[in-house]
Amino acid sequence: MTIFSEFLKSFDVFSWRYWTKYLITAPKLLRLDASENVLVQLFGYDQETIVDLYLKKSLAPGDKRYAFQSLKLNVHNKYHAKATLRIMPNDFPKGEKYVYLQAISSGLNTHERIPVTTVNGFLFIQTDKPLYTPDQEVQVRVYSMNEELRKSRHPVTLTFVDPNGIKVEMIDMTEINGAKPLLPPFKIPLKPIFGIWKIQATYTEIFDTAATAEFEVKEYVLPSISLQIKPEENYISAGNFESFKLKISAK
């Protein structure tokens, strides 16, 4: 559910007759390949009115149109209707940053320039543990979801970065259906730089969505054990010469 009070903005309210007004509410920022809601309200109208909503590259006649929906407002819906517009990735030129939202009917013709972001969906990175030693394998699983929190199939690029900020390896993952493990796992070098490593995940194409996970690499140290043996008595007599008790403790 869209939270209008926080994310949406309203067009200025114009009057084309002194007793009629309209209000169009739209997102401040449009997300590429996401369903965006646009609300239209008419005040003072007493006849059915059709409002055409466009997402366009510019206001020039015949210029590129990314999305369109026609709304019918009347007494049955209390002159209040919602359109759902979506900019498809294949239609939107790379490098474009804005679109025009245009509303046209018999009584109004207005527009608003709205920025478009290519950050879409969610990426999550999971490792099998937080700490590794040299020559171990890092089991990685990537979760990819769209804006509706449904499975996404966008290809993902994983970048492993050492503590000095050097990119050690880049791996492309395809055929992701919501979640996918990295096969084969990433293997830590035999002589790595110790410290905090990072895994950076980004969509390979179109989108700028990103995520980061961290894990630590430490030198392997053999475990040390301290063993202490003490007799229960500090002396040996004729009575316990052949058999006596010892106390053994280890830590």
Protein backbone atom coordinates (compact mmCIF):
# COMPACT_ATOMS: atom_id res chain seq x y z
CA MET A 1 0.00 0.00 0.00
CA THR A 2 1.37 3.37 -1.00
CA ILE A 3 1.75 5.92 1.79
CA PHE A 4 0.52 9.07 0.14
CA SER A 5 1.32 11.45 2.95
CA GLU A 6 5.00 10.58 2.84
CA PHE A 7 5.84 9.75 -0.77
CA LEU A 8 3.37 11.61 -2.92
CA LYS A 9 3.01 15.16 -4.12
CA SER A 10 0.00 17.00 -5.46
CA PHE A 11 -0.34 19.11 -8.57
CA ASP A 12 -1.46 22.68 -8.08
CA VAL A 13 -5.23 22.98 -8.10
CA PHE A 14 -6.50 24.89 -11.09
CA SER A 15 -10.01 26.05 -11.96
CA TRP A 16 -11.29 25.93 -15.52
CA ARG A 17 -14.71 27.10 -14.37
CA TYR A 18 -15.18 29.08 -11.24
CA TRP A 19 -17.14 26.25 -9.55
CA THR A 20 -15.01 23.22 -10.61
CA LYS A 21 -11.58 22.08 -9.42
CA TYR A 22 -9.36 19.02 -9.69
CA LEU A 23 -6.58 17.37 -7.70
CA ILE A 24 -4.01 14.99 -9.18
CA THR A 25 -1.72 13.14 -6.79
CA ALA A 26 1.39 11.35 -8.07
CA PRO A 27 4.73 10.04 -6.73
CA LYS A 28 7.56 12.51 -6.27
CA LEU A 29 9.90 9.91 -7.76
CA LEU A 30 8.98 7.23 -10.30
CA ARG A 31 10.71 3.85 -10.18
CA LEU A 32 11.60 2.10 -13.41
CA ASP A 33 9.66 -1.16 -13.92
CA ALA A 34 7.42 -0.51 -10.89
CA SER A 35 3.66 -0.02 -10.73
CA GLU A 36 3.01 3.57 -9.68
CA ASN A 37 -0.38 4.92 -8.56
CA VAL A 38 -1.79 8.24 -9.74
CA LEU A 39 -5.00 9.52 -8.13
CA VAL A 40 -7.40 11.92 -9.81
CA GLN A 41 -10.18 13.77 -7.97
CA LEU A 42 -12.74 16.15 -9.47
CA PHE A 43 -14.73 18.66 -7.44
CA GLY A 44 -17.91 20.44 -8.53
CA TYR A 45 -18.50 18.21 -11.56
CA ASP A 46 -21.97 16.88 -12.34
CA GLN A 47 -21.30 15.01 -15.60
CA GLU A 48 -19.19 11.96 -16.39
CA THR A 49 -15.66 13.02 -17.34
CA ILE A 50 -12.84 11.03 -18.94
CA VAL A 51 -9.27 11.94 -17.93
CA ASP A 52 -6.35 10.57 -19.99
CA LEU A 53 -3.05 10.15 -18.14
CA TYR A 54 0.25 9.89 -20.01
CA LEU A 55 3.89 9.32 -19.04
CA LYS A 56 5.87 10.91 -21.87
CA LYS A 57 9.44 11.78 -22.79
CA SER A 58 8.42 15.35 -23.55
CA LEU A 59 5.37 17.45 -24.31
CA ALA A 60 6.17 17.58 -28.02
CA PRO A 61 3.39 16.10 -30.18
CA GLY A 62 4.15 12.53 -31.21
CA ASP A 63 7.09 12.13 -28.82
CA LYS A 64 7.78 8.87 -26.99
CA ARG A 65 4.97 7.65 -24.72
CA TYR A 66 5.95 5.27 -21.90
CA ALA A 67 2.57 4.60 -20.30
CA PHE A 68 -1.06 5.54 -20.72
CA GLN A 69 -4.37 4.99 -18.91
CA SER A 70 -7.80 6.50 -19.31
CA LEU A 71 -9.96 7.12 -16.23
CA LYS A 72 -13.72 7.50 -16.17
CA LEU A 73 -14.93 9.68 -13.30
CA ASN A 74 -18.61 9.96 -12.44
CA VAL A 75 -21.09 10.02 -9.60
CA HIS A 76 -20.70 6.25 -9.06
CA ASN A 77 -17.05 6.56 -8.05
CA LYS A 78 -17.63 9.97 -6.51
CA TYR A 79 -15.37 11.54 -9.16
CA HIS A 80 -12.38 9.81 -7.61
CA ALA A 81 -10.30 7.24 -9.56
CA LYS A 82 -6.85 5.65 -9.54
CA ALA A 83 -4.55 4.85 -12.45
CA THR A 84 -1.60 2.46 -12.34
CA LEU A 85 1.25 3.43 -14.64
CA ARG A 86 4.45 1.50 -15.29
CA ILE A 87 7.58 2.47 -17.23
CA MET A 88 9.01 -0.66 -18.85
CA PRO A 89 12.83 -0.96 -18.80
CA ASN A 90 13.12 -1.78 -22.50
CA ASP A 91 11.22 1.39 -23.44
CA PHE A 92 13.16 3.82 -21.27
CA PRO A 93 16.41 5.12 -22.84
CA LYS A 94 19.57 4.73 -20.81
CA GLY A 95 20.65 8.02 -19.30
CA GLU A 96 17.17 9.56 -19.20
CA LYS A 97 16.32 11.04 -15.81
CA TYR A 98 12.84 12.55 -16.16
CA VAL A 99 9.40 11.96 -17.65
CA TYR A 100 6.34 14.17 -18.00
CA LEU A 101 3.07 13.17 -16.39
CA GLN A 102 0.33 14.75 -18.47
CA ALA A 103 -3.41 14.79 -17.70
CA ILE A 104 -5.87 15.71 -20.44
CA SER A 105 -9.67 15.95 -20.48
CA SER A 106 -12.33 18.23 -21.86
CA GLY A 107 -11.86 20.57 -18.93
CA LEU A 108 -8.15 20.36 -18.10
CA ASN A 109 -4.72 19.99 -19.63
CA THR A 110 -1.84 19.99 -17.18
CA HIS A 111 1.51 18.31 -16.70
CA GLU A 112 4.31 17.75 -14.19
CA ARG A 113 7.99 16.85 -14.73
CA ILE A 114 8.91 13.91 -12.47
CA PRO A 115 12.35 12.30 -11.97
CA VAL A 116 12.84 8.57 -12.61
CA THR A 117 15.13 6.31 -10.59
CA THR A 118 16.69 3.06 -11.79
CA VAL A 119 16.92 1.74 -8.23
CA ASN A 120 14.29 -0.97 -8.24
CA GLY A 121 13.69 -4.00 -6.05
CA PHE A 122 15.77 -5.49 -3.26
CA LEU A 123 18.98 -7.51 -3.04
CA PHE A 124 20.11 -9.50 0.01
CA ILE A 125 23.37 -11.41 0.53
CA GLN A 126 23.76 -14.28 3.00
CA THR A 127 26.94 -16.13 3.99
CA ASP A 128 27.13 -19.41 5.91
CA LYS A 129 29.22 -17.86 8.71
CA PRO A 130 30.84 -14.54 9.66
CA LEU A 131 34.45 -15.73 10.14
CA TYR A 132 36.80 -17.64 7.82
CA THR A 133 40.43 -18.74 7.67
CA PRO A 134 42.74 -18.91 4.63
CA ASP A 135 41.85 -21.43 1.91
CA GLN A 136 38.29 -21.89 3.20
CA GLU A 137 35.21 -21.62 1.00
CA VAL A 138 32.60 -18.88 1.48
CA GLN A 139 29.10 -20.20 0.88
CA VAL A 140 27.02 -17.33 -0.53
CA ARG A 141 23.31 -17.10 -1.29
CA VAL A 142 21.71 -14.15 -3.11
CA TYR A 143 18.07 -13.13 -2.73
CA SER A 144 16.50 -10.94 -5.42
CA MET A 145 13.00 -9.40 -5.22
CA ASN A 146 11.11 -6.75 -7.12
CA GLU A 147 9.24 -3.75 -5.69
CA GLU A 148 6.22 -5.95 -4.94
CA LEU A 149 8.49 -8.33 -2.94
CA ARG A 150 8.05 -11.05 -5.53
CA LYS A 151 10.78 -13.18 -7.05
CA SER A 152 13.00 -11.35 -9.52
CA ARG A 153 14.96 -12.93 -12.36
CA HIS A 154 17.36 -10.05 -13.00
CA PRO A 155 20.99 -11.22 -13.39
CA VAL A 156 23.29 -10.22 -10.54
CA THR A 157 27.01 -9.43 -10.38
CA LEU A 158 28.92 -10.27 -7.19
CA THR A 159 32.19 -8.49 -6.41
CA PHE A 160 34.52 -9.68 -3.64
CA VAL A 161 36.61 -6.85 -2.15
CA ASP A 162 39.54 -7.28 0.24
CA PRO A 163 40.23 -5.00 3.25
CA ASN A 164 42.41 -2.74 1.07
CA GLY A 165 39.49 -2.06 -1.28
CA ILE A 166 40.92 -4.18 -4.11
CA LYS A 167 38.43 -6.16 -6.18
CA VAL A 168 39.62 -9.76 -5.93
CA GLU A 169 36.97 -11.45 -8.06
CA MET A 170 33.77 -10.59 -9.98
CA ILE A 171 31.16 -13.28 -10.66
CA ASP A 172 28.02 -13.01 -12.82
CA MET A 173 24.96 -14.93 -11.64
CA THR A 174 22.16 -15.67 -14.10
CA GLU A 175 18.90 -17.60 -13.98
CA ILE A 176 18.08 -16.27 -10.53
CA ASN A 177 14.53 -17.05 -9.48
CA GLY A 178 14.23 -15.17 -6.21
CA ALA A 179 17.16 -16.94 -4.52
CA LYS A 180 20.26 -18.73 -5.73
CA PRO A 181 23.48 -20.06 -4.15
CA LEU A 182 26.87 -19.19 -5.60
CA LEU A 183 28.29 -22.31 -7.25
CA PRO A 184 31.12 -23.02 -6.94
CA PRO A 185 31.63 -21.10 -3.67
CA PHE A 186 34.17 -18.29 -3.42
CA LYS A 187 37.49 -19.62 -2.13
CA ILE A 188 39.61 -17.43 0.10
CA PRO A 189 43.22 -17.20 -1.16
CA LEU A 190 45.88 -19.24 0.62
CA LYS A 191 47.67 -16.05 1.69
CA PRO A 192 44.90 -13.46 1.98
CA ILE A 193 44.85 -10.02 3.54
CA PHE A 194 43.39 -10.42 7.00
CA GLY A 195 40.50 -8.23 8.07
CA ILE A 196 36.99 -7.38 6.93
CA TRP A 197 36.09 -8.45 3.39
CA LYS A 198 33.03 -7.23 1.47
CA ILE A 199 30.64 -8.80 -1.00
CA GLN A 200 28.98 -6.24 -3.26
CA ALA A 201 25.90 -7.28 -5.24
CA THR A 202 24.43 -5.23 -8.11
CA TYR A 203 22.02 -5.94 -10.91
CA THR A 204 24.04 -6.61 -14.04
CA GLU A 205 21.74 -4.73 -16.41
CA ILE A 206 19.61 -1.57 -16.35
CA PHE A 207 19.01 -1.22 -12.59
CA ASP A 208 21.28 0.41 -10.00
CA THR A 209 20.03 -1.56 -7.00
CA ALA A 210 22.90 -2.70 -4.76
CA ALA A 211 23.60 -4.56 -1.53
CA THR A 212 26.67 -5.27 0.61
CA ALA A 213 27.61 -8.01 3.07
CA GLU A 214 30.76 -8.41 5.16
CA PHE A 215 32.79 -11.30 6.55
CA GLU A 216 36.09 -11.51 8.42
CA VAL A 217 39.22 -13.43 7.49
CA LYS A 218 41.61 -14.36 10.31
CA GLU A 219 44.82 -16.33 10.53
CA TYR A 220 44.35 -19.94 11.59
CA VAL A 221 45.81 -20.53 15.05
CA LEU A 222 46.19 -24.02 16.49
CA PRO A 223 44.23 -24.41 19.71
CA SER A 224 46.38 -24.61 22.86
CA ILE A 225 45.55 -26.84 25.85
CA SER A 226 46.97 -26.47 29.34
CA LEU A 227 47.11 -29.73 31.33
CA GLN A 228 47.82 -29.83 35.07
CA ILE A 229 48.31 -33.00 37.20
CA LYS A 230 48.32 -32.80 41.01
CA PRO A 231 48.33 -35.53 43.65
CA GLU A 232 45.61 -35.31 46.27
CA GLU A 233 48.26 -35.67 48.98
CA ASN A 234 51.55 -33.87 49.10
CA TYR A 235 53.38 -36.96 50.41
CA ILE A 236 53.64 -40.70 49.84
CA SER A 237 53.50 -43.07 52.81
CA ALA A 238 53.68 -46.82 53.24
CA GLY A 239 49.88 -46.96 53.12
CA ASN A 240 49.52 -45.36 49.69
CA PHE A 241 52.86 -46.26 48.14
CA GLU A 242 51.40 -48.61 45.51
CA SER A 243 48.17 -46.67 44.82
CA PHE A 244 47.34 -42.99 45.22
CA LYS A 245 44.93 -40.52 43.61
CA LEU A 246 45.79 -37.77 41.13
CA LYS A 247 43.77 -34.70 40.14
CA ILE A 248 43.93 -33.82 36.41
CA SER A 249 42.62 -30.49 35.09
CA ALA A 250 42.72 -29.10 31.57
CA LYS A 251 41.86 -25.76 30.01
